[in-house]
Amino acid sequence: VPDEGSPYAAEGTAAHAYAELELSYRLGLISKRSYAGRCKRPKASEWWGPEMEEAVDDYATEVMNIVECLRLEGGHPAVELEQRVDYSEYVPGGFGTADVAVLSEGVLHVIDLKYGKGVPVSAEGNPQLRLYALGAALKYWIVYGFGEVRMTIVQPRLNNISTYETTTDELIRWAEKEVRPKALLAYEGKGEFCAGEWCRFCRA
């Protein structure tokens, strides 16, 4: 089914681009001059306004609070922005982009920005977020040896911050017992269709 896009998707994409810039600046990865220059690009700037500025600022502040909390826990967190994560070991061709992955000794914290304001989104058992966390855990585990995995959704325009915690072992167990069998069925064109109100964002 062709992806024809929508104004909501375009607005969300712009918000993510600005969020990456804002966090890059706060983390000292780019200068203020570089930040200002990139924000003047016409394609993204058509969406920029007070509401997006406030939402992105709230989101970036929450991310920085999470980083600081990990420091206070005694860690030395590193922050990866817009990282491609691969979970094809469990889902054929499976990958995604983690908005933020905070990597600390024994702790992985994956953070997802949801810019929409129509439907509140919870991190509790959220399959998309769990898959992104799985991909990030597989990518960075050899360095950090994650035991604990935290996942947070920040939905600034609804003042919604939701966090879910699990362990790497539990995440792998879920991937092996639930995700892999269903993914293989889907890959082969098998399984049962379960259409319902949860399909509101499905192109089909």
Protein backbone atom coordinates (compact mmCIF):
# COMPACT_ATOMS: atom_id res chain seq x y z
CA VAL A 1 0.00 0.00 0.00
CA PRO A 2 1.61 3.30 -1.05
CA ASP A 3 2.62 5.72 1.69
CA GLU A 4 1.01 8.98 0.62
CA GLY A 5 2.05 10.79 3.79
CA SER A 6 0.01 13.35 5.73
CA PRO A 7 0.46 16.79 7.29
CA TYR A 8 0.58 15.11 10.71
CA ALA A 9 3.44 12.84 9.63
CA ALA A 10 5.32 15.78 8.10
CA GLU A 11 4.84 17.82 11.27
CA GLY A 12 6.10 14.91 13.38
CA THR A 13 9.15 14.49 11.17
CA ALA A 14 9.98 18.18 11.56
CA ALA A 15 9.57 17.94 15.35
CA HIS A 16 11.98 15.00 15.46
CA ALA A 17 14.51 16.90 13.35
CA TYR A 18 14.35 19.90 15.69
CA ALA A 19 14.51 17.64 18.74
CA GLU A 20 17.72 16.07 17.43
CA LEU A 21 19.20 19.54 16.90
CA GLU A 22 18.13 20.74 20.35
CA LEU A 23 19.66 17.70 22.06
CA SER A 24 22.81 17.93 19.95
CA TYR A 25 23.22 21.51 21.17
CA ARG A 26 22.50 20.69 24.82
CA LEU A 27 24.93 17.78 24.72
CA GLY A 28 27.65 20.01 23.26
CA LEU A 29 27.77 18.22 19.91
CA ILE A 30 27.06 21.35 17.87
CA SER A 31 27.53 25.09 18.45
CA LYS A 32 24.75 27.64 18.86
CA ARG A 33 25.65 29.14 15.48
CA SER A 34 25.38 25.76 13.79
CA TYR A 35 22.04 25.13 15.53
CA ALA A 36 20.61 28.48 14.41
CA GLY A 37 21.82 27.95 10.85
CA ARG A 38 20.19 24.55 10.53
CA CYS A 39 16.89 25.80 11.97
CA LYS A 40 16.57 28.31 9.11
CA ARG A 41 16.20 25.61 6.46
CA PRO A 42 12.85 26.35 4.72
CA LYS A 43 11.62 22.75 4.45
CA ALA A 44 11.52 22.22 8.20
CA SER A 45 10.94 25.82 9.26
CA GLU A 46 7.41 25.91 7.81
CA TRP A 47 6.33 23.80 10.80
CA TRP A 48 8.25 25.77 13.39
CA GLY A 49 6.27 27.89 15.83
CA PRO A 50 5.73 28.55 19.55
CA GLU A 51 3.91 25.23 20.11
CA MET A 52 6.65 23.13 18.52
CA GLU A 53 9.38 25.14 20.22
CA GLU A 54 7.79 24.55 23.63
CA ALA A 55 7.15 20.85 22.95
CA VAL A 56 10.69 20.20 21.75
CA ASP A 57 12.11 22.10 24.71
CA ASP A 58 10.00 20.02 27.15
CA TYR A 59 11.11 16.81 25.47
CA ALA A 60 14.80 17.74 25.47
CA THR A 61 14.58 18.74 29.15
CA GLU A 62 13.11 15.34 30.03
CA VAL A 63 15.90 13.56 28.13
CA MET A 64 18.56 15.61 29.93
CA ASN A 65 16.87 14.84 33.28
CA ILE A 66 17.11 11.12 32.51
CA VAL A 67 20.80 11.49 31.65
CA GLU A 68 21.43 13.37 34.90
CA CYS A 69 19.57 10.73 36.92
CA LEU A 70 21.85 8.04 35.51
CA ARG A 71 24.85 10.16 36.49
CA LEU A 72 23.48 10.46 40.02
CA GLU A 73 23.14 6.67 40.09
CA GLY A 74 26.88 6.51 39.58
CA GLY A 75 26.97 5.83 35.86
CA HIS A 76 28.77 7.56 33.02
CA PRO A 77 25.96 7.80 30.46
CA ALA A 78 26.61 8.20 26.76
CA VAL A 79 23.80 9.47 24.55
CA GLU A 80 23.14 8.24 21.02
CA LEU A 81 20.69 10.21 18.87
CA GLU A 82 18.62 8.86 15.99
CA GLN A 83 20.41 5.53 15.95
CA ARG A 84 19.40 2.76 13.56
CA VAL A 85 18.72 -0.37 15.57
CA ASP A 86 18.56 -3.83 14.03
CA TYR A 87 16.49 -6.67 15.45
CA SER A 88 16.49 -8.85 12.32
CA GLU A 89 17.80 -11.72 14.45
CA TYR A 90 14.19 -12.05 15.63
CA VAL A 91 12.21 -10.29 12.87
CA PRO A 92 13.32 -10.85 9.25
CA GLY A 93 14.43 -7.47 7.93
CA GLY A 94 13.47 -5.82 11.22
CA PHE A 95 15.00 -2.45 12.06
CA GLY A 96 14.00 0.97 13.37
CA THR A 97 15.39 4.28 14.52
CA ALA A 98 15.70 4.96 18.24
CA ASP A 99 15.21 8.68 18.92
CA VAL A 100 17.49 8.52 21.96
CA ALA A 101 19.45 5.67 23.52
CA VAL A 102 21.14 6.49 26.82
CA LEU A 103 23.88 3.96 27.53
CA SER A 104 25.22 3.52 31.02
CA GLU A 105 26.92 0.77 33.00
CA GLY A 106 24.32 -1.98 33.32
CA VAL A 107 21.42 0.27 32.26
CA LEU A 108 19.94 1.00 28.83
CA HIS A 109 17.32 3.76 28.57
CA VAL A 110 15.52 4.17 25.24
CA ILE A 111 13.44 7.33 24.82
CA ASP A 112 10.85 7.95 22.11
CA LEU A 113 9.29 11.29 21.15
CA LYS A 114 5.62 11.14 20.20
CA TYR A 115 4.64 14.54 18.84
CA GLY A 116 0.98 13.70 18.15
CA LYS A 117 -1.71 14.93 20.49
CA GLY A 118 -4.70 12.90 19.32
CA VAL A 119 -3.97 9.57 21.00
CA PRO A 120 -2.07 9.13 24.30
CA VAL A 121 0.66 6.50 23.97
CA SER A 122 1.89 4.37 26.87
CA ALA A 123 5.33 2.80 27.23
CA GLU A 124 3.84 -0.08 29.23
CA GLY A 125 4.46 -3.18 27.14
CA ASN A 126 4.65 -1.04 23.97
CA PRO A 127 5.79 -3.44 21.20
CA GLN A 128 7.47 -0.77 19.03
CA LEU A 129 9.47 0.59 21.94
CA ARG A 130 10.40 -2.90 23.14
CA LEU A 131 11.67 -3.80 19.67
CA TYR A 132 13.78 -0.62 19.56
CA ALA A 133 15.13 -1.42 23.02
CA LEU A 134 15.87 -4.96 21.85
CA GLY A 135 17.80 -3.64 18.86
CA ALA A 136 19.74 -1.16 21.03
CA ALA A 137 20.51 -3.85 23.61
CA LEU A 138 21.85 -6.16 20.89
CA LYS A 139 23.93 -3.34 19.40
CA TYR A 140 25.57 -2.07 22.59
CA TRP A 141 25.40 -4.97 25.06
CA ILE A 142 28.95 -6.16 24.44
CA VAL A 143 30.27 -2.82 25.74
CA TYR A 144 27.83 -2.03 28.56
CA GLY A 145 26.49 -5.43 29.66
CA PHE A 146 22.97 -4.12 30.22
CA GLY A 147 20.97 -5.92 32.90
CA GLU A 148 18.23 -3.32 33.23
CA VAL A 149 16.26 -1.79 30.35
CA ARG A 150 14.15 1.33 30.75
CA MET A 151 11.85 2.68 28.05
CA THR A 152 10.21 6.10 28.09
CA ILE A 153 7.69 7.76 25.79
CA VAL A 154 7.54 11.55 25.96
CA GLN A 155 4.41 13.09 24.44
CA PRO A 156 4.87 16.78 25.28
CA ARG A 157 1.69 18.17 23.76
CA LEU A 158 -0.35 15.91 26.04
CA ASN A 159 1.95 16.32 29.06
CA ASN A 160 2.35 12.54 28.89
CA ILE A 161 5.54 10.89 30.14
CA SER A 162 5.33 7.12 30.44
CA THR A 163 8.13 4.77 31.54
CA TYR A 164 8.34 1.00 31.52
CA GLU A 165 11.16 -1.05 33.03
CA THR A 166 12.27 -4.61 32.36
CA THR A 167 15.45 -6.66 32.15
CA THR A 168 17.56 -7.66 29.17
CA ASP A 169 16.81 -11.30 29.95
CA GLU A 170 13.07 -10.69 29.91
CA LEU A 171 13.34 -8.71 26.65
CA ILE A 172 15.23 -11.55 24.97
CA ARG A 173 12.74 -14.08 26.35
CA TRP A 174 9.85 -12.04 24.89
CA ALA A 175 11.65 -11.79 21.53
CA GLU A 176 12.28 -15.52 21.35
CA LYS A 177 8.91 -16.79 22.57
CA GLU A 178 6.48 -14.19 21.19
CA VAL A 179 8.10 -12.04 18.54
CA ARG A 180 10.11 -14.52 16.49
CA PRO A 181 7.29 -17.07 15.88
CA LYS A 182 4.79 -14.36 14.86
CA ALA A 183 7.34 -12.52 12.71
CA LEU A 184 8.21 -15.70 10.82
CA LEU A 185 4.53 -16.37 10.17
CA ALA A 186 4.03 -12.83 8.89
CA TYR A 187 7.16 -13.06 6.74
CA GLU A 188 5.71 -16.18 5.10
CA GLY A 189 2.33 -14.52 4.59
CA LYS A 190 0.67 -16.71 7.19
CA GLY A 191 -0.99 -16.08 10.55
CA GLU A 192 -4.34 -14.51 11.40
CA PHE A 193 -5.41 -10.95 10.63
CA CYS A 194 -6.79 -9.13 13.67
CA ALA A 195 -8.25 -5.88 12.38
CA GLY A 196 -9.77 -3.49 14.90
CA GLU A 197 -9.71 0.03 16.30
CA TRP A 198 -5.97 -0.36 16.99
CA CYS A 199 -5.38 -0.21 13.20
CA ARG A 200 -6.02 3.54 13.02
CA PHE A 201 -2.48 4.23 11.73
CA CYS A 202 -2.30 1.23 9.37
CA ARG A 203 -2.21 2.13 5.65
CA ALA A 204 -4.02 -1.09 4.73
